[in-house]
């Protein structure tokens, strides 16, 4: 399966822009795992950590968040706006 394009942006600017196999985000309804091809969603985020995984299922980046929004913009792109 192809990688997911992901962009994480805060009010200060771009935090991360690149590819990952899966992103796990702390949504207000529980942790959400998102891969390429995920259905279109918009979700509120709660305080917690975003974990980005590589193709070997290893976490290669963790980003702490206080809140925000995640939007699956297309079949291949996830945009996350964080506080």
PDB file of N, CA and C in Angstrom:
ATOM      1  N   UNK A   1       0.845  -1.189   0.000  1.00  0.00           N
ATOM      2  CA  UNK A   1       0.000   0.000   0.000  1.00  0.00           C
ATOM      3  C   UNK A   1       0.882   1.241   0.000  1.00  0.00           C
ATOM      4  N   UNK A   2       0.440   2.278  -0.665  1.00  0.00           N
ATOM      5  CA  UNK A   2       1.179   3.532  -0.750  1.00  0.00           C
ATOM      6  C   UNK A   2       1.109   4.303   0.556  1.00  0.00           C
ATOM      7  N   UNK A   3       2.027   5.244   0.695  1.00  0.00           N
ATOM      8  CA  UNK A   3       2.084   6.047   1.905  1.00  0.00           C
ATOM      9  C   UNK A   3       1.028   7.152   1.914  1.00  0.00           C
ATOM     10  N   UNK A   4       0.723   7.597   3.108  1.00  0.00           N
ATOM     11  CA  UNK A   4      -0.198   8.697   3.354  1.00  0.00           C
ATOM     12  C   UNK A   4       0.598   9.993   3.386  1.00  0.00           C
ATOM     13  N   UNK A   5       0.143  10.993   2.636  1.00  0.00           N
ATOM     14  CA  UNK A   5       0.736  12.326   2.719  1.00  0.00           C
ATOM     15  C   UNK A   5       0.120  12.998   3.932  1.00  0.00           C
ATOM     16  N   UNK A   6       0.970  13.589   4.768  1.00  0.00           N
ATOM     17  CA  UNK A   6       0.474  14.212   5.994  1.00  0.00           C
ATOM     18  C   UNK A   6       1.116  15.575   6.175  1.00  0.00           C
ATOM     19  N   UNK A   7       0.299  16.516   6.625  1.00  0.00           N
ATOM     20  CA  UNK A   7       0.792  17.852   6.945  1.00  0.00           C
ATOM     21  C   UNK A   7       0.230  18.238   8.304  1.00  0.00           C
ATOM     22  N   UNK A   8       1.126  18.625   9.210  1.00  0.00           N
ATOM     23  CA  UNK A   8       0.735  19.053  10.553  1.00  0.00           C
ATOM     24  C   UNK A   8       1.146  20.513  10.700  1.00  0.00           C
ATOM     25  N   UNK A   9       0.158  21.359  11.008  1.00  0.00           N
ATOM     26  CA  UNK A   9       0.376  22.803  11.046  1.00  0.00           C
ATOM     27  C   UNK A   9      -0.128  23.363  12.374  1.00  0.00           C
ATOM     28  N   UNK A  10       0.666  24.256  12.962  1.00  0.00           N
ATOM     29  CA  UNK A  10       0.230  24.994  14.160  1.00  0.00           C
ATOM     30  C   UNK A  10       0.168  26.463  13.808  1.00  0.00           C
ATOM     31  N   UNK A  11      -0.228  27.283  14.745  1.00  0.00           N
ATOM     32  CA  UNK A  11      -0.310  28.721  14.496  1.00  0.00           C
ATOM     33  C   UNK A  11       1.077  29.305  14.197  1.00  0.00           C
ATOM     34  N   UNK A  12       2.127  28.654  14.707  1.00  0.00           N
ATOM     35  CA  UNK A  12       3.493  29.115  14.456  1.00  0.00           C
ATOM     36  C   UNK A  12       4.001  28.736  13.070  1.00  0.00           C
ATOM     37  N   UNK A  13       3.350  27.781  12.412  1.00  0.00           N
ATOM     38  CA  UNK A  13       3.773  27.355  11.078  1.00  0.00           C
ATOM     39  C   UNK A  13       3.757  25.848  10.933  1.00  0.00           C
ATOM     40  N   UNK A  14       4.435  25.359   9.914  1.00  0.00           N
ATOM     41  CA  UNK A  14       4.461  23.931   9.608  1.00  0.00           C
ATOM     42  C   UNK A  14       5.288  23.172  10.645  1.00  0.00           C
ATOM     43  N   UNK A  15       4.718  22.100  11.186  1.00  0.00           N
ATOM     44  CA  UNK A  15       5.395  21.249  12.162  1.00  0.00           C
ATOM     45  C   UNK A  15       5.991  20.025  11.456  1.00  0.00           C
ATOM     46  N   UNK A  16       5.234  19.451  10.540  1.00  0.00           N
ATOM     47  CA  UNK A  16       5.692  18.277   9.797  1.00  0.00           C
ATOM     48  C   UNK A  16       4.970  18.221   8.460  1.00  0.00           C
ATOM     49  N   UNK A  17       5.715  17.869   7.435  1.00  0.00           N
ATOM     50  CA  UNK A  17       5.124  17.639   6.118  1.00  0.00           C
ATOM     51  C   UNK A  17       5.922  16.506   5.488  1.00  0.00           C
ATOM     52  N   UNK A  18       5.228  15.416   5.193  1.00  0.00           N
ATOM     53  CA  UNK A  18       5.928  14.273   4.630  1.00  0.00           C
ATOM     54  C   UNK A  18       5.002  13.091   4.465  1.00  0.00           C
ATOM     55  N   UNK A  19       5.589  11.895   4.504  1.00  0.00           N
ATOM     56  CA  UNK A  19       4.859  10.658   4.298  1.00  0.00           C
ATOM     57  C   UNK A  19       4.939   9.769   5.523  1.00  0.00           C
ATOM     58  N   UNK A  20       3.900   8.981   5.727  1.00  0.00           N
ATOM     59  CA  UNK A  20       3.913   7.957   6.759  1.00  0.00           C
ATOM     60  C   UNK A  20       3.020   6.810   6.294  1.00  0.00           C
ATOM     61  N   UNK A  21       3.151   5.666   6.920  1.00  0.00           N
ATOM     62  CA  UNK A  21       2.294   4.537   6.590  1.00  0.00           C
ATOM     63  C   UNK A  21       0.953   4.661   7.297  1.00  0.00           C
ATOM     64  N   UNK A  22       1.019   5.046   8.581  1.00  0.00           N
ATOM     65  CA  UNK A  22      -0.204   5.241   9.368  1.00  0.00           C
ATOM     66  C   UNK A  22       0.032   6.361  10.366  1.00  0.00           C
ATOM     67  N   UNK A  23      -1.005   7.155  10.582  1.00  0.00           N
ATOM     68  CA  UNK A  23      -0.989   8.213  11.595  1.00  0.00           C
ATOM     69  C   UNK A  23      -2.048   7.865  12.631  1.00  0.00           C
ATOM     70  N   UNK A  24      -1.669   7.939  13.902  1.00  0.00           N
ATOM     71  CA  UNK A  24      -2.629   7.717  14.982  1.00  0.00           C
ATOM     72  C   UNK A  24      -2.794   9.049  15.702  1.00  0.00           C
ATOM     73  N   UNK A  25      -4.034   9.557  15.697  1.00  0.00           N
ATOM     74  CA  UNK A  25      -4.318  10.866  16.278  1.00  0.00           C
ATOM     75  C   UNK A  25      -5.286  10.723  17.447  1.00  0.00           C
ATOM     76  N   UNK A  26      -5.133  11.591  18.473  1.00  0.00           N
ATOM     77  CA  UNK A  26      -6.001  11.522  19.651  1.00  0.00           C
ATOM     78  C   UNK A  26      -7.314  12.283  19.432  1.00  0.00           C
ATOM     79  N   UNK A  27      -8.299  11.640  18.829  1.00  0.00           N
ATOM     80  CA  UNK A  27      -9.575  12.323  18.592  1.00  0.00           C
ATOM     81  C   UNK A  27     -10.384  12.356  19.891  1.00  0.00           C
ATOM     82  N   UNK A  28     -11.378  13.206  19.920  1.00  0.00           N
ATOM     83  CA  UNK A  28     -12.205  13.324  21.126  1.00  0.00           C
ATOM     84  C   UNK A  28     -13.031  12.070  21.378  1.00  0.00           C
ATOM     85  N   UNK A  29     -13.184  11.220  20.371  1.00  0.00           N
ATOM     86  CA  UNK A  29     -13.947   9.980  20.555  1.00  0.00           C
ATOM     87  C   UNK A  29     -13.039   8.756  20.685  1.00  0.00           C
ATOM     88  N   UNK A  30     -11.729   8.975  20.855  1.00  0.00           N
ATOM     89  CA  UNK A  30     -10.769   7.886  20.994  1.00  0.00           C
ATOM     90  C   UNK A  30      -9.682   8.005  19.954  1.00  0.00           C
ATOM     91  N   UNK A  31      -8.620   7.224  20.121  1.00  0.00           N
ATOM     92  CA  UNK A  31      -7.524   7.276  19.160  1.00  0.00           C
ATOM     93  C   UNK A  31      -7.994   6.767  17.803  1.00  0.00           C
ATOM     94  N   UNK A  32      -7.557   7.460  16.756  1.00  0.00           N
ATOM     95  CA  UNK A  32      -7.971   7.160  15.390  1.00  0.00           C
ATOM     96  C   UNK A  32      -6.740   6.817  14.560  1.00  0.00           C
ATOM     97  N   UNK A  33      -6.728   5.640  13.957  1.00  0.00           N
ATOM     98  CA  UNK A  33      -5.650   5.254  13.052  1.00  0.00           C
ATOM     99  C   UNK A  33      -6.061   5.560  11.627  1.00  0.00           C
ATOM    100  N   UNK A  34      -5.222   6.291  10.912  1.00  0.00           N
ATOM    101  CA  UNK A  34      -5.569   6.729   9.560  1.00  0.00           C
ATOM    102  C   UNK A  34      -4.473   6.304   8.592  1.00  0.00           C
ATOM    103  N   UNK A  35      -4.894   5.625   7.523  1.00  0.00           N
ATOM    104  CA  UNK A  35      -3.992   5.212   6.451  1.00  0.00           C
ATOM    105  C   UNK A  35      -4.502   5.787   5.134  1.00  0.00           C
ATOM    106  N   UNK A  36      -3.686   5.689   4.107  1.00  0.00           N
ATOM    107  CA  UNK A  36      -4.106   6.111   2.767  1.00  0.00           C
ATOM    108  C   UNK A  36      -5.384   5.357   2.397  1.00  0.00           C
ATOM    109  N   UNK A  37      -6.343   6.066   1.820  1.00  0.00           N
ATOM    110  CA  UNK A  37      -7.603   5.459   1.416  1.00  0.00           C
ATOM    111  C   UNK A  37      -8.680   5.506   2.483  1.00  0.00           C
ATOM    112  N   UNK A  38      -8.376   6.105   3.641  1.00  0.00           N
ATOM    113  CA  UNK A  38      -9.369   6.231   4.718  1.00  0.00           C
ATOM    114  C   UNK A  38     -10.539   7.062   4.224  1.00  0.00           C
ATOM    115  N   UNK A  39     -11.720   6.766   4.731  1.00  0.00           N
ATOM    116  CA  UNK A  39     -12.889   7.556   4.341  1.00  0.00           C
ATOM    117  C   UNK A  39     -12.705   9.022   4.741  1.00  0.00           C
ATOM    118  N   UNK A  40     -13.419   9.900   4.084  1.00  0.00           N
ATOM    119  CA  UNK A  40     -13.347  11.331   4.381  1.00  0.00           C
ATOM    120  C   UNK A  40     -13.875  11.584   5.788  1.00  0.00           C
ATOM    121  N   UNK A  41     -13.071  12.265   6.608  1.00  0.00           N
ATOM    122  CA  UNK A  41     -13.477  12.585   7.981  1.00  0.00           C
ATOM    123  C   UNK A  41     -12.948  13.959   8.369  1.00  0.00           C
ATOM    124  N   UNK A  42     -13.618  14.540   9.341  1.00  0.00           N
ATOM    125  CA  UNK A  42     -13.112  15.703  10.066  1.00  0.00           C
ATOM    126  C   UNK A  42     -13.336  15.375  11.525  1.00  0.00           C
ATOM    127  N   UNK A  43     -12.284  15.486  12.342  1.00  0.00           N
ATOM    128  CA  UNK A  43     -12.398  15.103  13.744  1.00  0.00           C
ATOM    129  C   UNK A  43     -11.742  16.133  14.639  1.00  0.00           C
ATOM    130  N   UNK A  44     -12.380  16.414  15.778  1.00  0.00           N
ATOM    131  CA  UNK A  44     -11.763  17.238  16.810  1.00  0.00           C
ATOM    132  C   UNK A  44     -10.691  16.408  17.504  1.00  0.00           C
ATOM    133  N   UNK A  45      -9.606  17.073  17.896  1.00  0.00           N
ATOM    134  CA  UNK A  45      -8.546  16.389  18.631  1.00  0.00           C
ATOM    135  C   UNK A  45      -8.555  16.820  20.088  1.00  0.00           C
ATOM    136  N   UNK A  46      -8.210  15.891  20.960  1.00  0.00           N
ATOM    137  CA  UNK A  46      -8.053  16.171  22.386  1.00  0.00           C
ATOM    138  C   UNK A  46      -6.554  16.221  22.698  1.00  0.00           C
ATOM    139  N   UNK A  47      -6.224  16.561  23.922  1.00  0.00           N
ATOM    140  CA  UNK A  47      -4.827  16.569  24.340  1.00  0.00           C
ATOM    141  C   UNK A  47      -4.270  15.150  24.274  1.00  0.00           C
ATOM    142  N   UNK A  48      -3.078  15.025  23.735  1.00  0.00           N
ATOM    143  CA  UNK A  48      -2.439  13.718  23.612  1.00  0.00           C
ATOM    144  C   UNK A  48      -1.289  13.791  22.625  1.00  0.00           C
ATOM    145  N   UNK A  49      -0.930  12.645  22.053  1.00  0.00           N
ATOM    146  CA  UNK A  49       0.188  12.559  21.115  1.00  0.00           C
ATOM    147  C   UNK A  49      -0.278  12.040  19.763  1.00  0.00           C
ATOM    148  N   UNK A  50       0.275  12.631  18.709  1.00  0.00           N
ATOM    149  CA  UNK A  50       0.131  12.099  17.360  1.00  0.00           C
ATOM    150  C   UNK A  50       1.337  11.196  17.139  1.00  0.00           C
ATOM    151  N   UNK A  51       1.096   9.972  16.682  1.00  0.00           N
ATOM    152  CA  UNK A  51       2.180   9.041  16.385  1.00  0.00           C
ATOM    153  C   UNK A  51       2.173   8.753  14.891  1.00  0.00           C
ATOM    154  N   UNK A  52       3.335   8.891  14.262  1.00  0.00           N
ATOM    155  CA  UNK A  52       3.486   8.581  12.853  1.00  0.00           C
ATOM    156  C   UNK A  52       4.336   7.320  12.720  1.00  0.00           C
ATOM    157  N   UNK A  53       3.832   6.366  11.945  1.00  0.00           N
ATOM    158  CA  UNK A  53       4.483   5.066  11.793  1.00  0.00           C
ATOM    159  C   UNK A  53       5.051   4.914  10.387  1.00  0.00           C
ATOM    160  N   UNK A  54       6.186   4.208  10.298  1.00  0.00           N
ATOM    161  CA  UNK A  54       6.773   3.898   8.995  1.00  0.00           C
ATOM    162  C   UNK A  54       6.224   2.561   8.484  1.00  0.00           C
ATOM    163  N   UNK A  55       6.741   2.096   7.360  1.00  0.00           N
ATOM    164  CA  UNK A  55       6.249   0.864   6.743  1.00  0.00           C
ATOM    165  C   UNK A  55       6.547  -0.389   7.556  1.00  0.00           C
ATOM    166  N   UNK A  56       7.475  -0.300   8.507  1.00  0.00           N
ATOM    167  CA  UNK A  56       7.792  -1.438   9.383  1.00  0.00           C
ATOM    168  C   UNK A  56       6.988  -1.394  10.677  1.00  0.00           C
ATOM    169  N   UNK A  57       5.998  -0.493  10.740  1.00  0.00           N
ATOM    170  CA  UNK A  57       5.138  -0.305  11.910  1.00  0.00           C
ATOM    171  C   UNK A  57       5.906   0.205  13.131  1.00  0.00           C
ATOM    172  N   UNK A  58       6.978   0.953  12.903  1.00  0.00           N
ATOM    173  CA  UNK A  58       7.739   1.603  13.968  1.00  0.00           C
ATOM    174  C   UNK A  58       7.360   3.073  14.017  1.00  0.00           C
ATOM    175  N   UNK A  59       7.228   3.610  15.224  1.00  0.00           N
ATOM    176  CA  UNK A  59       6.969   5.047  15.372  1.00  0.00           C
ATOM    177  C   UNK A  59       8.249   5.796  15.011  1.00  0.00           C
ATOM    178  N   UNK A  60       8.147   6.731  14.047  1.00  0.00           N
ATOM    179  CA  UNK A  60       9.328   7.528  13.711  1.00  0.00           C
ATOM    180  C   UNK A  60       9.175   8.989  14.128  1.00  0.00           C
ATOM    181  N   UNK A  61       7.959   9.387  14.540  1.00  0.00           N
ATOM    182  CA  UNK A  61       7.754  10.760  15.011  1.00  0.00           C
ATOM    183  C   UNK A  61       6.558  10.797  15.946  1.00  0.00           C
ATOM    184  N   UNK A  62       6.722  11.514  17.064  1.00  0.00           N
ATOM    185  CA  UNK A  62       5.644  11.737  18.022  1.00  0.00           C
ATOM    186  C   UNK A  62       5.531  13.238  18.247  1.00  0.00           C
ATOM    187  N   UNK A  63       4.300  13.747  18.158  1.00  0.00           N
ATOM    188  CA  UNK A  63       4.060  15.177  18.329  1.00  0.00           C
ATOM    189  C   UNK A  63       2.964  15.355  19.374  1.00  0.00           C
ATOM    190  N   UNK A  64       3.284  16.069  20.448  1.00  0.00           N
ATOM    191  CA  UNK A  64       2.311  16.344  21.501  1.00  0.00           C
ATOM    192  C   UNK A  64       1.367  17.449  21.052  1.00  0.00           C
ATOM    193  N   UNK A  65       0.070  17.268  21.326  1.00  0.00           N
ATOM    194  CA  UNK A  65      -0.928  18.273  20.960  1.00  0.00           C
ATOM    195  C   UNK A  65      -1.839  18.563  22.145  1.00  0.00           C
ATOM    196  N   UNK A  66      -2.369  19.776  22.178  1.00  0.00           N
ATOM    197  CA  UNK A  66      -3.336  20.158  23.214  1.00  0.00           C
ATOM    198  C   UNK A  66      -4.755  20.129  22.686  1.00  0.00           C
ATOM    199  N   UNK A  67      -4.885  20.047  21.379  1.00  0.00           N
ATOM    200  CA  UNK A  67      -6.188  20.031  20.722  1.00  0.00           C
ATOM    201  C   UNK A  67      -6.006  20.402  19.271  1.00  0.00           C
ATOM    202  N   UNK A  68      -7.097  20.433  18.537  1.00  0.00           N
ATOM    203  CA  UNK A  68      -7.045  20.809  17.137  1.00  0.00           C
ATOM    204  C   UNK A  68      -8.054  20.037  16.312  1.00  0.00           C
ATOM    205  N   UNK A  69      -7.748  19.882  15.029  1.00  0.00           N
ATOM    206  CA  UNK A  69      -8.630  19.205  14.082  1.00  0.00           C
ATOM    207  C   UNK A  69      -7.801  18.361  13.119  1.00  0.00           C
ATOM    208  N   UNK A  70      -8.366  17.250  12.688  1.00  0.00           N
ATOM    209  CA  UNK A  70      -7.765  16.418  11.647  1.00  0.00           C
ATOM    210  C   UNK A  70      -8.782  16.283  10.523  1.00  0.00           C
ATOM    211  N   UNK A  71      -8.320  16.455   9.287  1.00  0.00           N
ATOM    212  CA  UNK A  71      -9.213  16.342   8.136  1.00  0.00           C
ATOM    213  C   UNK A  71      -8.551  15.492   7.063  1.00  0.00           C
ATOM    214  N   UNK A  72      -9.237  14.451   6.643  1.00  0.00           N
ATOM    215  CA  UNK A  72      -8.799  13.646   5.511  1.00  0.00           C
ATOM    216  C   UNK A  72      -9.245  14.403   4.271  1.00  0.00           C
ATOM    217  N   UNK A  73      -8.302  15.082   3.601  1.00  0.00           N
ATOM    218  CA  UNK A  73      -8.645  15.970   2.493  1.00  0.00           C
ATOM    219  C   UNK A  73      -8.866  15.235   1.179  1.00  0.00           C
ATOM    220  N   UNK A  74      -8.216  14.113   1.021  1.00  0.00           N
ATOM    221  CA  UNK A  74      -8.396  13.288  -0.174  1.00  0.00           C
ATOM    222  C   UNK A  74      -8.045  11.855   0.211  1.00  0.00           C
ATOM    223  N   UNK A  75      -8.097  10.963  -0.742  1.00  0.00           N
ATOM    224  CA  UNK A  75      -7.764   9.566  -0.481  1.00  0.00           C
ATOM    225  C   UNK A  75      -6.336   9.399   0.036  1.00  0.00           C
ATOM    226  N   UNK A  76      -5.484  10.371  -0.273  1.00  0.00           N
ATOM    227  CA  UNK A  76      -4.074  10.223   0.069  1.00  0.00           C
ATOM    228  C   UNK A  76      -3.503  11.307   0.975  1.00  0.00           C
ATOM    229  N   UNK A  77      -4.310  12.300   1.425  1.00  0.00           N
ATOM    230  CA  UNK A  77      -3.748  13.401   2.206  1.00  0.00           C
ATOM    231  C   UNK A  77      -4.550  13.683   3.480  1.00  0.00           C
ATOM    232  N   UNK A  78      -3.802  13.772   4.595  1.00  0.00           N
ATOM    233  CA  UNK A  78      -4.355  14.104   5.906  1.00  0.00           C
ATOM    234  C   UNK A  78      -3.772  15.448   6.341  1.00  0.00           C
ATOM    235  N   UNK A  79      -4.635  16.384   6.700  1.00  0.00           N
ATOM    236  CA  UNK A  79      -4.217  17.679   7.228  1.00  0.00           C
ATOM    237  C   UNK A  79      -4.593  17.727   8.698  1.00  0.00           C
ATOM    238  N   UNK A  80      -3.624  18.119   9.543  1.00  0.00           N
ATOM    239  CA  UNK A  80      -3.889  18.244  10.983  1.00  0.00           C
ATOM    240  C   UNK A  80      -3.525  19.651  11.416  1.00  0.00           C
ATOM    241  N   UNK A  81      -4.496  20.345  12.000  1.00  0.00           N
ATOM    242  CA  UNK A  81      -4.289  21.687  12.546  1.00  0.00           C
ATOM    243  C   UNK A  81      -4.278  21.545  14.063  1.00  0.00           C
ATOM    244  N   UNK A  82      -3.163  21.973  14.707  1.00  0.00           N
ATOM    245  CA  UNK A  82      -3.039  21.769  16.152  1.00  0.00           C
ATOM    246  C   UNK A  82      -2.882  23.080  16.910  1.00  0.00           C
ATOM    247  N   UNK A  83      -3.260  23.019  18.187  1.00  0.00           N
ATOM    248  CA  UNK A  83      -3.082  24.156  19.110  1.00  0.00           C
ATOM    249  C   UNK A  83      -1.662  24.150  19.627  1.00  0.00           C
TER     250      UNK A  83
END
